[in-house]
């Protein structure tokens, strides 16, 4: 719980490490089959979905620990920035911000920011 950067960084590394393979090997197969799927984006979306599940499980445990909660929010924001700016993730796809903007989490975030 105190190291969300571990799994967030791991996912960013997997996305980066697999980008060339997905673009050069998998995407041509999808294109040849007439599929509209973007292999890289679909791979990223799947990994982000795993993060959303992890966040949904972790956040209730962190809501009342200001230090851990703030650390999680900071790491998620850094993750989101890199996901969009470096890896070309689309804003129309599932995002960690969906979890952070849920009512209980968002209210806690505002409360902590006011402190």
PDB file of N, CA and C in Angstrom:
ATOM      1  N   UNK A   1       0.803  -1.202   0.000  1.00  0.00           N
ATOM      2  CA  UNK A   1       0.000   0.000   0.000  1.00  0.00           C
ATOM      3  C   UNK A   1       0.848   1.269   0.000  1.00  0.00           C
ATOM      4  N   UNK A   2       2.029   1.199   0.593  1.00  0.00           N
ATOM      5  CA  UNK A   2       2.856   2.395   0.674  1.00  0.00           C
ATOM      6  C   UNK A   2       3.765   2.597  -0.535  1.00  0.00           C
ATOM      7  N   UNK A   3       3.679   1.723  -1.525  1.00  0.00           N
ATOM      8  CA  UNK A   3       4.531   1.829  -2.712  1.00  0.00           C
ATOM      9  C   UNK A   3       3.740   1.688  -4.014  1.00  0.00           C
ATOM     10  N   UNK A   4       2.749   2.539  -4.257  1.00  0.00           N
ATOM     11  CA  UNK A   4       1.990   2.424  -5.508  1.00  0.00           C
ATOM     12  C   UNK A   4       2.864   2.663  -6.736  1.00  0.00           C
ATOM     13  N   UNK A   5       3.971   3.362  -6.547  1.00  0.00           N
ATOM     14  CA  UNK A   5       4.866   3.607  -7.682  1.00  0.00           C
ATOM     15  C   UNK A   5       5.413   2.312  -8.262  1.00  0.00           C
ATOM     16  N   UNK A   6       5.471   1.266  -7.434  1.00  0.00           N
ATOM     17  CA  UNK A   6       6.004   0.005  -7.947  1.00  0.00           C
ATOM     18  C   UNK A   6       5.148  -0.510  -9.089  1.00  0.00           C
ATOM     19  N   UNK A   7       3.856  -0.680  -8.861  1.00  0.00           N
ATOM     20  CA  UNK A   7       3.028  -1.247  -9.925  1.00  0.00           C
ATOM     21  C   UNK A   7       2.740  -0.231 -11.032  1.00  0.00           C
ATOM     22  N   UNK A   8       2.699   1.036 -10.694  1.00  0.00           N
ATOM     23  CA  UNK A   8       2.473   2.050 -11.735  1.00  0.00           C
ATOM     24  C   UNK A   8       3.677   2.116 -12.685  1.00  0.00           C
ATOM     25  N   UNK A   9       4.871   2.117 -12.117  1.00  0.00           N
ATOM     26  CA  UNK A   9       6.088   2.129 -12.928  1.00  0.00           C
ATOM     27  C   UNK A   9       6.226   0.844 -13.724  1.00  0.00           C
ATOM     28  N   UNK A  10       5.870  -0.272 -13.117  1.00  0.00           N
ATOM     29  CA  UNK A  10       5.953  -1.560 -13.803  1.00  0.00           C
ATOM     30  C   UNK A  10       5.078  -1.561 -15.052  1.00  0.00           C
ATOM     31  N   UNK A  11       3.878  -1.050 -14.935  1.00  0.00           N
ATOM     32  CA  UNK A  11       2.972  -1.002 -16.086  1.00  0.00           C
ATOM     33  C   UNK A  11       3.534  -0.086 -17.169  1.00  0.00           C
ATOM     34  N   UNK A  12       4.076   1.061 -16.785  1.00  0.00           N
ATOM     35  CA  UNK A  12       4.679   1.952 -17.783  1.00  0.00           C
ATOM     36  C   UNK A  12       5.861   1.273 -18.483  1.00  0.00           C
ATOM     37  N   UNK A  13       6.635   0.501 -17.740  1.00  0.00           N
ATOM     38  CA  UNK A  13       7.755  -0.227 -18.346  1.00  0.00           C
ATOM     39  C   UNK A  13       7.243  -1.292 -19.314  1.00  0.00           C
ATOM     40  N   UNK A  14       6.198  -2.017 -18.936  1.00  0.00           N
ATOM     41  CA  UNK A  14       5.645  -3.031 -19.834  1.00  0.00           C
ATOM     42  C   UNK A  14       5.136  -2.392 -21.120  1.00  0.00           C
ATOM     43  N   UNK A  15       4.448  -1.265 -20.989  1.00  0.00           N
ATOM     44  CA  UNK A  15       3.938  -0.574 -22.180  1.00  0.00           C
ATOM     45  C   UNK A  15       5.093  -0.157 -23.077  1.00  0.00           C
ATOM     46  N   UNK A  16       6.107   0.463 -22.489  1.00  0.00           N
ATOM     47  CA  UNK A  16       7.261   0.906 -23.265  1.00  0.00           C
ATOM     48  C   UNK A  16       8.047  -0.241 -23.873  1.00  0.00           C
ATOM     49  N   UNK A  17       8.253  -1.293 -23.108  1.00  0.00           N
ATOM     50  CA  UNK A  17       9.049  -2.427 -23.579  1.00  0.00           C
ATOM     51  C   UNK A  17       8.362  -3.238 -24.672  1.00  0.00           C
ATOM     52  N   UNK A  18       7.032  -3.179 -24.724  1.00  0.00           N
ATOM     53  CA  UNK A  18       6.299  -3.972 -25.710  1.00  0.00           C
ATOM     54  C   UNK A  18       5.835  -3.169 -26.920  1.00  0.00           C
ATOM     55  N   UNK A  19       6.058  -1.865 -26.903  1.00  0.00           N
ATOM     56  CA  UNK A  19       5.555  -0.996 -27.974  1.00  0.00           C
ATOM     57  C   UNK A  19       6.088  -1.403 -29.345  1.00  0.00           C
ATOM     58  N   UNK A  20       7.380  -1.626 -29.450  1.00  0.00           N
ATOM     59  CA  UNK A  20       7.970  -1.969 -30.742  1.00  0.00           C
ATOM     60  C   UNK A  20       7.418  -3.302 -31.254  1.00  0.00           C
ATOM     61  N   UNK A  21       7.352  -4.295 -30.393  1.00  0.00           N
ATOM     62  CA  UNK A  21       6.831  -5.602 -30.780  1.00  0.00           C
ATOM     63  C   UNK A  21       5.378  -5.489 -31.251  1.00  0.00           C
ATOM     64  N   UNK A  22       4.572  -4.775 -30.498  1.00  0.00           N
ATOM     65  CA  UNK A  22       3.161  -4.627 -30.870  1.00  0.00           C
ATOM     66  C   UNK A  22       3.002  -3.882 -32.192  1.00  0.00           C
ATOM     67  N   UNK A  23       3.801  -2.830 -32.382  1.00  0.00           N
ATOM     68  CA  UNK A  23       3.716  -2.041 -33.618  1.00  0.00           C
ATOM     69  C   UNK A  23       4.240  -2.792 -34.835  1.00  0.00           C
ATOM     70  N   UNK A  24       5.336  -3.511 -34.656  1.00  0.00           N
ATOM     71  CA  UNK A  24       5.991  -4.148 -35.799  1.00  0.00           C
ATOM     72  C   UNK A  24       5.497  -5.559 -36.097  1.00  0.00           C
ATOM     73  N   UNK A  25       5.050  -6.277 -35.106  1.00  0.00           N
ATOM     74  CA  UNK A  25       4.659  -7.678 -35.307  1.00  0.00           C
ATOM     75  C   UNK A  25       3.151  -7.905 -35.238  1.00  0.00           C
ATOM     76  N   UNK A  26       2.514  -7.339 -34.237  1.00  0.00           N
ATOM     77  CA  UNK A  26       1.089  -7.610 -34.020  1.00  0.00           C
ATOM     78  C   UNK A  26       0.195  -6.704 -34.866  1.00  0.00           C
ATOM     79  N   UNK A  27       0.511  -5.414 -34.921  1.00  0.00           N
ATOM     80  CA  UNK A  27      -0.336  -4.481 -35.660  1.00  0.00           C
ATOM     81  C   UNK A  27      -0.481  -4.842 -37.136  1.00  0.00           C
ATOM     82  N   UNK A  28       0.600  -5.250 -37.827  1.00  0.00           N
ATOM     83  CA  UNK A  28       0.437  -5.657 -39.230  1.00  0.00           C
ATOM     84  C   UNK A  28      -0.516  -6.839 -39.407  1.00  0.00           C
ATOM     85  N   UNK A  29      -0.524  -7.756 -38.467  1.00  0.00           N
ATOM     86  CA  UNK A  29      -1.441  -8.902 -38.531  1.00  0.00           C
ATOM     87  C   UNK A  29      -2.876  -8.408 -38.381  1.00  0.00           C
ATOM     88  N   UNK A  30      -3.097  -7.520 -37.432  1.00  0.00           N
ATOM     89  CA  UNK A  30      -4.432  -6.959 -37.233  1.00  0.00           C
ATOM     90  C   UNK A  30      -4.881  -6.164 -38.458  1.00  0.00           C
ATOM     91  N   UNK A  31      -3.966  -5.380 -39.011  1.00  0.00           N
ATOM     92  CA  UNK A  31      -4.292  -4.580 -40.197  1.00  0.00           C
ATOM     93  C   UNK A  31      -4.636  -5.478 -41.384  1.00  0.00           C
ATOM     94  N   UNK A  32      -3.853  -6.537 -41.562  1.00  0.00           N
ATOM     95  CA  UNK A  32      -4.081  -7.466 -42.672  1.00  0.00           C
ATOM     96  C   UNK A  32      -5.436  -8.159 -42.530  1.00  0.00           C
ATOM     97  N   UNK A  33      -5.855  -8.399 -41.293  1.00  0.00           N
ATOM     98  CA  UNK A  33      -7.142  -9.054 -41.031  1.00  0.00           C
ATOM     99  C   UNK A  33      -8.310  -8.074 -41.133  1.00  0.00           C
ATOM    100  N   UNK A  34      -8.001  -6.796 -41.359  1.00  0.00           N
ATOM    101  CA  UNK A  34      -9.050  -5.794 -41.485  1.00  0.00           C
ATOM    102  C   UNK A  34      -9.597  -5.318 -40.147  1.00  0.00           C
ATOM    103  N   UNK A  35      -8.866  -5.565 -39.093  1.00  0.00           N
ATOM    104  CA  UNK A  35      -9.303  -5.156 -37.756  1.00  0.00           C
ATOM    105  C   UNK A  35      -9.008  -3.670 -37.535  1.00  0.00           C
ATOM    106  N   UNK A  36      -9.867  -3.033 -36.784  1.00  0.00           N
ATOM    107  CA  UNK A  36      -9.646  -1.623 -36.452  1.00  0.00           C
ATOM    108  C   UNK A  36      -8.953  -1.475 -35.091  1.00  0.00           C
ATOM    109  N   UNK A  37      -8.541  -2.573 -34.507  1.00  0.00           N
ATOM    110  CA  UNK A  37      -7.890  -2.565 -33.195  1.00  0.00           C
ATOM    111  C   UNK A  37      -6.473  -2.009 -33.321  1.00  0.00           C
ATOM    112  N   UNK A  38      -6.124  -1.131 -32.397  1.00  0.00           N
ATOM    113  CA  UNK A  38      -4.755  -0.645 -32.290  1.00  0.00           C
ATOM    114  C   UNK A  38      -4.086  -1.481 -31.200  1.00  0.00           C
ATOM    115  N   UNK A  39      -3.139  -2.310 -31.583  1.00  0.00           N
ATOM    116  CA  UNK A  39      -2.526  -3.263 -30.649  1.00  0.00           C
ATOM    117  C   UNK A  39      -1.914  -2.582 -29.438  1.00  0.00           C
ATOM    118  N   UNK A  40      -1.183  -1.506 -29.658  1.00  0.00           N
ATOM    119  CA  UNK A  40      -0.531  -0.810 -28.552  1.00  0.00           C
ATOM    120  C   UNK A  40      -1.524  -0.199 -27.586  1.00  0.00           C
ATOM    121  N   UNK A  41      -2.524   0.466 -28.125  1.00  0.00           N
ATOM    122  CA  UNK A  41      -3.529   1.085 -27.258  1.00  0.00           C
ATOM    123  C   UNK A  41      -4.359   0.038 -26.523  1.00  0.00           C
ATOM    124  N   UNK A  42      -4.671  -1.052 -27.201  1.00  0.00           N
ATOM    125  CA  UNK A  42      -5.449  -2.101 -26.550  1.00  0.00           C
ATOM    126  C   UNK A  42      -4.648  -2.767 -25.429  1.00  0.00           C
ATOM    127  N   UNK A  43      -3.363  -2.966 -25.665  1.00  0.00           N
ATOM    128  CA  UNK A  43      -2.471  -3.511 -24.642  1.00  0.00           C
ATOM    129  C   UNK A  43      -2.422  -2.567 -23.438  1.00  0.00           C
ATOM    130  N   UNK A  44      -2.249  -1.275 -23.709  1.00  0.00           N
ATOM    131  CA  UNK A  44      -2.201  -0.272 -22.647  1.00  0.00           C
ATOM    132  C   UNK A  44      -3.519  -0.221 -21.882  1.00  0.00           C
ATOM    133  N   UNK A  45      -4.626  -0.266 -22.605  1.00  0.00           N
ATOM    134  CA  UNK A  45      -5.943  -0.231 -21.974  1.00  0.00           C
ATOM    135  C   UNK A  45      -6.115  -1.414 -21.025  1.00  0.00           C
ATOM    136  N   UNK A  46      -5.672  -2.580 -21.446  1.00  0.00           N
ATOM    137  CA  UNK A  46      -5.769  -3.764 -20.598  1.00  0.00           C
ATOM    138  C   UNK A  46      -4.959  -3.625 -19.320  1.00  0.00           C
ATOM    139  N   UNK A  47      -3.756  -3.068 -19.435  1.00  0.00           N
ATOM    140  CA  UNK A  47      -2.925  -2.879 -18.249  1.00  0.00           C
ATOM    141  C   UNK A  47      -3.498  -1.800 -17.331  1.00  0.00           C
ATOM    142  N   UNK A  48      -4.041  -0.746 -17.911  1.00  0.00           N
ATOM    143  CA  UNK A  48      -4.658   0.297 -17.095  1.00  0.00           C
ATOM    144  C   UNK A  48      -5.877  -0.267 -16.359  1.00  0.00           C
ATOM    145  N   UNK A  49      -6.596  -1.164 -16.988  1.00  0.00           N
ATOM    146  CA  UNK A  49      -7.736  -1.802 -16.332  1.00  0.00           C
ATOM    147  C   UNK A  49      -7.280  -2.563 -15.085  1.00  0.00           C
ATOM    148  N   UNK A  50      -6.135  -3.215 -15.168  1.00  0.00           N
ATOM    149  CA  UNK A  50      -5.581  -3.898 -13.983  1.00  0.00           C
ATOM    150  C   UNK A  50      -5.261  -2.894 -12.879  1.00  0.00           C
ATOM    151  N   UNK A  51      -4.712  -1.755 -13.265  1.00  0.00           N
ATOM    152  CA  UNK A  51      -4.397  -0.723 -12.277  1.00  0.00           C
ATOM    153  C   UNK A  51      -5.676  -0.203 -11.630  1.00  0.00           C
ATOM    154  N   UNK A  52      -6.725  -0.037 -12.424  1.00  0.00           N
ATOM    155  CA  UNK A  52      -7.994   0.436 -11.870  1.00  0.00           C
ATOM    156  C   UNK A  52      -8.522  -0.540 -10.822  1.00  0.00           C
ATOM    157  N   UNK A  53      -8.400  -1.822 -11.092  1.00  0.00           N
ATOM    158  CA  UNK A  53      -8.829  -2.828 -10.125  1.00  0.00           C
ATOM    159  C   UNK A  53      -7.988  -2.753  -8.852  1.00  0.00           C
ATOM    160  N   UNK A  54      -6.695  -2.582  -9.012  1.00  0.00           N
ATOM    161  CA  UNK A  54      -5.791  -2.478  -7.859  1.00  0.00           C
ATOM    162  C   UNK A  54      -6.112  -1.226  -7.047  1.00  0.00           C
ATOM    163  N   UNK A  55      -6.319  -0.099  -7.727  1.00  0.00           N
ATOM    164  CA  UNK A  55      -6.656   1.137  -7.028  1.00  0.00           C
ATOM    165  C   UNK A  55      -7.981   1.023  -6.284  1.00  0.00           C
ATOM    166  N   UNK A  56      -8.956   0.403  -6.930  1.00  0.00           N
ATOM    167  CA  UNK A  56     -10.266   0.233  -6.299  1.00  0.00           C
ATOM    168  C   UNK A  56     -10.157  -0.592  -5.015  1.00  0.00           C
ATOM    169  N   UNK A  57      -9.245  -1.538  -5.001  1.00  0.00           N
ATOM    170  CA  UNK A  57      -9.042  -2.360  -3.805  1.00  0.00           C
ATOM    171  C   UNK A  57      -8.219  -1.633  -2.745  1.00  0.00           C
ATOM    172  N   UNK A  58      -7.245  -0.826  -3.175  1.00  0.00           N
ATOM    173  CA  UNK A  58      -6.331  -0.168  -2.236  1.00  0.00           C
ATOM    174  C   UNK A  58      -6.890   1.101  -1.609  1.00  0.00           C
ATOM    175  N   UNK A  59      -7.621   1.885  -2.369  1.00  0.00           N
ATOM    176  CA  UNK A  59      -8.051   3.200  -1.891  1.00  0.00           C
ATOM    177  C   UNK A  59      -8.855   3.135  -0.588  1.00  0.00           C
ATOM    178  N   UNK A  60      -9.794   2.213  -0.425  1.00  0.00           N
ATOM    179  CA  UNK A  60     -10.511   2.180   0.863  1.00  0.00           C
ATOM    180  C   UNK A  60      -9.579   1.980   2.061  1.00  0.00           C
ATOM    181  N   UNK A  61      -8.467   1.318   1.850  1.00  0.00           N
ATOM    182  CA  UNK A  61      -7.498   1.097   2.928  1.00  0.00           C
ATOM    183  C   UNK A  61      -6.650   2.336   3.209  1.00  0.00           C
ATOM    184  N   UNK A  62      -6.600   3.259   2.255  1.00  0.00           N
ATOM    185  CA  UNK A  62      -5.733   4.434   2.371  1.00  0.00           C
ATOM    186  C   UNK A  62      -6.474   5.726   2.682  1.00  0.00           C
ATOM    187  N   UNK A  63      -7.774   5.702   2.583  1.00  0.00           N
ATOM    188  CA  UNK A  63      -8.548   6.942   2.687  1.00  0.00           C
ATOM    189  C   UNK A  63      -8.281   7.741   3.960  1.00  0.00           C
ATOM    190  N   UNK A  64      -7.985   7.080   5.050  1.00  0.00           N
ATOM    191  CA  UNK A  64      -7.849   7.800   6.311  1.00  0.00           C
ATOM    192  C   UNK A  64      -6.412   7.881   6.810  1.00  0.00           C
ATOM    193  N   UNK A  65      -5.495   7.621   5.911  1.00  0.00           N
ATOM    194  CA  UNK A  65      -4.076   7.835   6.209  1.00  0.00           C
ATOM    195  C   UNK A  65      -3.597   8.919   5.251  1.00  0.00           C
ATOM    196  N   UNK A  66      -3.477  10.143   5.762  1.00  0.00           N
ATOM    197  CA  UNK A  66      -3.152  11.280   4.902  1.00  0.00           C
ATOM    198  C   UNK A  66      -1.869  11.076   4.104  1.00  0.00           C
ATOM    199  N   UNK A  67      -0.853  10.560   4.746  1.00  0.00           N
ATOM    200  CA  UNK A  67       0.439  10.390   4.082  1.00  0.00           C
ATOM    201  C   UNK A  67       0.347   9.399   2.931  1.00  0.00           C
ATOM    202  N   UNK A  68      -0.219   8.228   3.196  1.00  0.00           N
ATOM    203  CA  UNK A  68      -0.329   7.214   2.146  1.00  0.00           C
ATOM    204  C   UNK A  68      -1.272   7.658   1.028  1.00  0.00           C
ATOM    205  N   UNK A  69      -2.363   8.303   1.398  1.00  0.00           N
ATOM    206  CA  UNK A  69      -3.318   8.762   0.397  1.00  0.00           C
ATOM    207  C   UNK A  69      -2.693   9.821  -0.511  1.00  0.00           C
ATOM    208  N   UNK A  70      -2.001  10.786   0.082  1.00  0.00           N
ATOM    209  CA  UNK A  70      -1.341  11.831  -0.718  1.00  0.00           C
ATOM    210  C   UNK A  70      -0.280  11.234  -1.637  1.00  0.00           C
ATOM    211  N   UNK A  71       0.456  10.284  -1.116  1.00  0.00           N
ATOM    212  CA  UNK A  71       1.478   9.630  -1.930  1.00  0.00           C
ATOM    213  C   UNK A  71       0.833   8.911  -3.117  1.00  0.00           C
ATOM    214  N   UNK A  72      -0.256   8.219  -2.869  1.00  0.00           N
ATOM    215  CA  UNK A  72      -0.966   7.529  -3.955  1.00  0.00           C
ATOM    216  C   UNK A  72      -1.441   8.524  -5.007  1.00  0.00           C
ATOM    217  N   UNK A  73      -2.061   9.605  -4.587  1.00  0.00           N
ATOM    218  CA  UNK A  73      -2.557  10.605  -5.538  1.00  0.00           C
ATOM    219  C   UNK A  73      -1.400  11.179  -6.359  1.00  0.00           C
ATOM    220  N   UNK A  74      -0.308  11.517  -5.703  1.00  0.00           N
ATOM    221  CA  UNK A  74       0.858  12.045  -6.427  1.00  0.00           C
ATOM    222  C   UNK A  74       1.368  11.062  -7.462  1.00  0.00           C
ATOM    223  N   UNK A  75       1.487   9.808  -7.069  1.00  0.00           N
ATOM    224  CA  UNK A  75       2.005   8.794  -7.993  1.00  0.00           C
ATOM    225  C   UNK A  75       1.042   8.541  -9.153  1.00  0.00           C
ATOM    226  N   UNK A  76      -0.242   8.546  -8.876  1.00  0.00           N
ATOM    227  CA  UNK A  76      -1.227   8.340  -9.940  1.00  0.00           C
ATOM    228  C   UNK A  76      -1.183   9.500 -10.938  1.00  0.00           C
ATOM    229  N   UNK A  77      -1.043  10.711 -10.437  1.00  0.00           N
ATOM    230  CA  UNK A  77      -0.961  11.867 -11.331  1.00  0.00           C
ATOM    231  C   UNK A  77       0.285  11.810 -12.209  1.00  0.00           C
ATOM    232  N   UNK A  78       1.406  11.404 -11.638  1.00  0.00           N
ATOM    233  CA  UNK A  78       2.634  11.234 -12.430  1.00  0.00           C
ATOM    234  C   UNK A  78       2.466  10.131 -13.473  1.00  0.00           C
ATOM    235  N   UNK A  79       1.843   9.039 -13.066  1.00  0.00           N
ATOM    236  CA  UNK A  79       1.575   7.932 -13.974  1.00  0.00           C
ATOM    237  C   UNK A  79       0.716   8.387 -15.152  1.00  0.00           C
ATOM    238  N   UNK A  80      -0.370   9.091 -14.845  1.00  0.00           N
ATOM    239  CA  UNK A  80      -1.281   9.569 -15.889  1.00  0.00           C
ATOM    240  C   UNK A  80      -0.556  10.486 -16.866  1.00  0.00           C
ATOM    241  N   UNK A  81       0.256  11.391 -16.337  1.00  0.00           N
ATOM    242  CA  UNK A  81       0.989  12.319 -17.204  1.00  0.00           C
ATOM    243  C   UNK A  81       1.885  11.558 -18.186  1.00  0.00           C
ATOM    244  N   UNK A  82       2.621  10.587 -17.692  1.00  0.00           N
ATOM    245  CA  UNK A  82       3.506   9.829 -18.577  1.00  0.00           C
ATOM    246  C   UNK A  82       2.716   8.954 -19.540  1.00  0.00           C
ATOM    247  N   UNK A  83       1.651   8.369 -19.063  1.00  0.00           N
ATOM    248  CA  UNK A  83       0.818   7.509 -19.908  1.00  0.00           C
ATOM    249  C   UNK A  83       0.315   8.283 -21.128  1.00  0.00           C
ATOM    250  N   UNK A  84      -0.153   9.498 -20.915  1.00  0.00           N
ATOM    251  CA  UNK A  84      -0.688  10.306 -22.014  1.00  0.00           C
ATOM    252  C   UNK A  84       0.399  10.958 -22.851  1.00  0.00           C
ATOM    253  N   UNK A  85       1.401  11.531 -22.221  1.00  0.00           N
ATOM    254  CA  UNK A  85       2.399  12.290 -22.969  1.00  0.00           C
ATOM    255  C   UNK A  85       3.437  11.418 -23.664  1.00  0.00           C
ATOM    256  N   UNK A  86       3.862  10.352 -23.036  1.00  0.00           N
ATOM    257  CA  UNK A  86       4.919   9.509 -23.605  1.00  0.00           C
ATOM    258  C   UNK A  86       4.352   8.357 -24.433  1.00  0.00           C
ATOM    259  N   UNK A  87       3.283   7.747 -23.952  1.00  0.00           N
ATOM    260  CA  UNK A  87       2.776   6.532 -24.578  1.00  0.00           C
ATOM    261  C   UNK A  87       1.543   6.745 -25.451  1.00  0.00           C
ATOM    262  N   UNK A  88       1.095   7.970 -25.587  1.00  0.00           N
ATOM    263  CA  UNK A  88      -0.005   8.281 -26.494  1.00  0.00           C
ATOM    264  C   UNK A  88      -1.346   7.676 -26.127  1.00  0.00           C
ATOM    265  N   UNK A  89      -1.561   7.467 -24.857  1.00  0.00           N
ATOM    266  CA  UNK A  89      -2.837   6.920 -24.385  1.00  0.00           C
ATOM    267  C   UNK A  89      -3.943   7.933 -24.681  1.00  0.00           C
ATOM    268  N   UNK A  90      -5.112   7.453 -25.024  1.00  0.00           N
ATOM    269  CA  UNK A  90      -6.217   8.333 -25.414  1.00  0.00           C
ATOM    270  C   UNK A  90      -7.116   8.667 -24.221  1.00  0.00           C
ATOM    271  N   UNK A  91      -7.599   9.886 -24.198  1.00  0.00           N
ATOM    272  CA  UNK A  91      -8.468  10.320 -23.098  1.00  0.00           C
ATOM    273  C   UNK A  91      -9.825   9.626 -23.113  1.00  0.00           C
ATOM    274  N   UNK A  92     -10.170   9.011 -24.224  1.00  0.00           N
ATOM    275  CA  UNK A  92     -11.448   8.296 -24.310  1.00  0.00           C
ATOM    276  C   UNK A  92     -11.385   6.905 -23.674  1.00  0.00           C
ATOM    277  N   UNK A  93     -10.202   6.452 -23.315  1.00  0.00           N
ATOM    278  CA  UNK A  93     -10.023   5.134 -22.710  1.00  0.00           C
ATOM    279  C   UNK A  93     -10.102   5.235 -21.181  1.00  0.00           C
ATOM    280  N   UNK A  94     -10.319   4.101 -20.502  1.00  0.00           N
ATOM    281  CA  UNK A  94     -10.386   4.121 -19.029  1.00  0.00           C
ATOM    282  C   UNK A  94      -9.139   4.770 -18.433  1.00  0.00           C
ATOM    283  N   UNK A  95      -9.345   5.475 -17.342  1.00  0.00           N
ATOM    284  CA  UNK A  95      -8.268   6.246 -16.743  1.00  0.00           C
ATOM    285  C   UNK A  95      -8.300   6.135 -15.224  1.00  0.00           C
ATOM    286  N   UNK A  96      -7.147   6.298 -14.609  1.00  0.00           N
ATOM    287  CA  UNK A  96      -7.061   6.297 -13.149  1.00  0.00           C
ATOM    288  C   UNK A  96      -7.835   7.468 -12.554  1.00  0.00           C
ATOM    289  N   UNK A  97      -8.023   8.502 -13.326  1.00  0.00           N
ATOM    290  CA  UNK A  97      -8.774   9.654 -12.839  1.00  0.00           C
ATOM    291  C   UNK A  97     -10.231   9.282 -12.560  1.00  0.00           C
ATOM    292  N   UNK A  98     -10.722   8.233 -13.226  1.00  0.00           N
ATOM    293  CA  UNK A  98     -12.079   7.774 -12.941  1.00  0.00           C
ATOM    294  C   UNK A  98     -12.188   7.325 -11.485  1.00  0.00           C
ATOM    295  N   UNK A  99     -11.152   6.671 -10.995  1.00  0.00           N
ATOM    296  CA  UNK A  99     -11.144   6.191  -9.610  1.00  0.00           C
ATOM    297  C   UNK A  99     -10.962   7.367  -8.646  1.00  0.00           C
ATOM    298  N   UNK A 100     -10.009   8.255  -8.960  1.00  0.00           N
ATOM    299  CA  UNK A 100      -9.746   9.382  -8.071  1.00  0.00           C
ATOM    300  C   UNK A 100     -10.899  10.374  -8.017  1.00  0.00           C
ATOM    301  N   UNK A 101     -11.717  10.384  -9.042  1.00  0.00           N
ATOM    302  CA  UNK A 101     -12.831  11.341  -9.052  1.00  0.00           C
ATOM    303  C   UNK A 101     -14.148  10.745  -8.544  1.00  0.00           C
ATOM    304  N   UNK A 102     -14.124   9.487  -8.090  1.00  0.00           N
ATOM    305  CA  UNK A 102     -15.312   8.933  -7.448  1.00  0.00           C
ATOM    306  C   UNK A 102     -15.567   9.698  -6.157  1.00  0.00           C
ATOM    307  N   UNK A 103     -16.821   9.834  -5.780  1.00  0.00           N
ATOM    308  CA  UNK A 103     -17.244  10.729  -4.703  1.00  0.00           C
ATOM    309  C   UNK A 103     -16.410  10.616  -3.425  1.00  0.00           C
ATOM    310  N   UNK A 104     -16.298   9.423  -2.861  1.00  0.00           N
ATOM    311  CA  UNK A 104     -15.600   9.294  -1.570  1.00  0.00           C
ATOM    312  C   UNK A 104     -14.126   9.649  -1.696  1.00  0.00           C
ATOM    313  N   UNK A 105     -13.509   9.206  -2.759  1.00  0.00           N
ATOM    314  CA  UNK A 105     -12.090   9.482  -2.969  1.00  0.00           C
ATOM    315  C   UNK A 105     -11.871  10.965  -3.255  1.00  0.00           C
ATOM    316  N   UNK A 106     -12.703  11.547  -4.088  1.00  0.00           N
ATOM    317  CA  UNK A 106     -12.541  12.946  -4.457  1.00  0.00           C
ATOM    318  C   UNK A 106     -12.748  13.861  -3.253  1.00  0.00           C
ATOM    319  N   UNK A 107     -13.746  13.555  -2.436  1.00  0.00           N
ATOM    320  CA  UNK A 107     -13.984  14.355  -1.234  1.00  0.00           C
ATOM    321  C   UNK A 107     -12.789  14.279  -0.288  1.00  0.00           C
ATOM    322  N   UNK A 108     -12.226  13.092  -0.162  1.00  0.00           N
ATOM    323  CA  UNK A 108     -11.045  12.926   0.694  1.00  0.00           C
ATOM    324  C   UNK A 108      -9.874  13.710   0.126  1.00  0.00           C
ATOM    325  N   UNK A 109      -9.714  13.675  -1.174  1.00  0.00           N
ATOM    326  CA  UNK A 109      -8.637  14.407  -1.850  1.00  0.00           C
ATOM    327  C   UNK A 109      -8.782  15.904  -1.570  1.00  0.00           C
ATOM    328  N   UNK A 110      -9.984  16.432  -1.693  1.00  0.00           N
ATOM    329  CA  UNK A 110     -10.219  17.855  -1.414  1.00  0.00           C
ATOM    330  C   UNK A 110      -9.896  18.186   0.045  1.00  0.00           C
ATOM    331  N   UNK A 111     -10.305  17.314   0.956  1.00  0.00           N
ATOM    332  CA  UNK A 111     -10.065  17.533   2.379  1.00  0.00           C
ATOM    333  C   UNK A 111      -8.562  17.574   2.672  1.00  0.00           C
ATOM    334  N   UNK A 112      -7.841  16.640   2.105  1.00  0.00           N
ATOM    335  CA  UNK A 112      -6.396  16.576   2.320  1.00  0.00           C
ATOM    336  C   UNK A 112      -5.721  17.794   1.705  1.00  0.00           C
ATOM    337  N   UNK A 113      -6.153  18.219   0.543  1.00  0.00           N
ATOM    338  CA  UNK A 113      -5.579  19.402  -0.098  1.00  0.00           C
ATOM    339  C   UNK A 113      -5.807  20.650   0.744  1.00  0.00           C
ATOM    340  N   UNK A 114      -6.973  20.746   1.379  1.00  0.00           N
ATOM    341  CA  UNK A 114      -7.266  21.914   2.222  1.00  0.00           C
ATOM    342  C   UNK A 114      -6.363  21.953   3.449  1.00  0.00           C
ATOM    343  N   UNK A 115      -6.009  20.767   3.963  1.00  0.00           N
ATOM    344  CA  UNK A 115      -5.109  20.698   5.131  1.00  0.00           C
ATOM    345  C   UNK A 115      -3.756  21.263   4.761  1.00  0.00           C
TER     346      UNK A 115
END
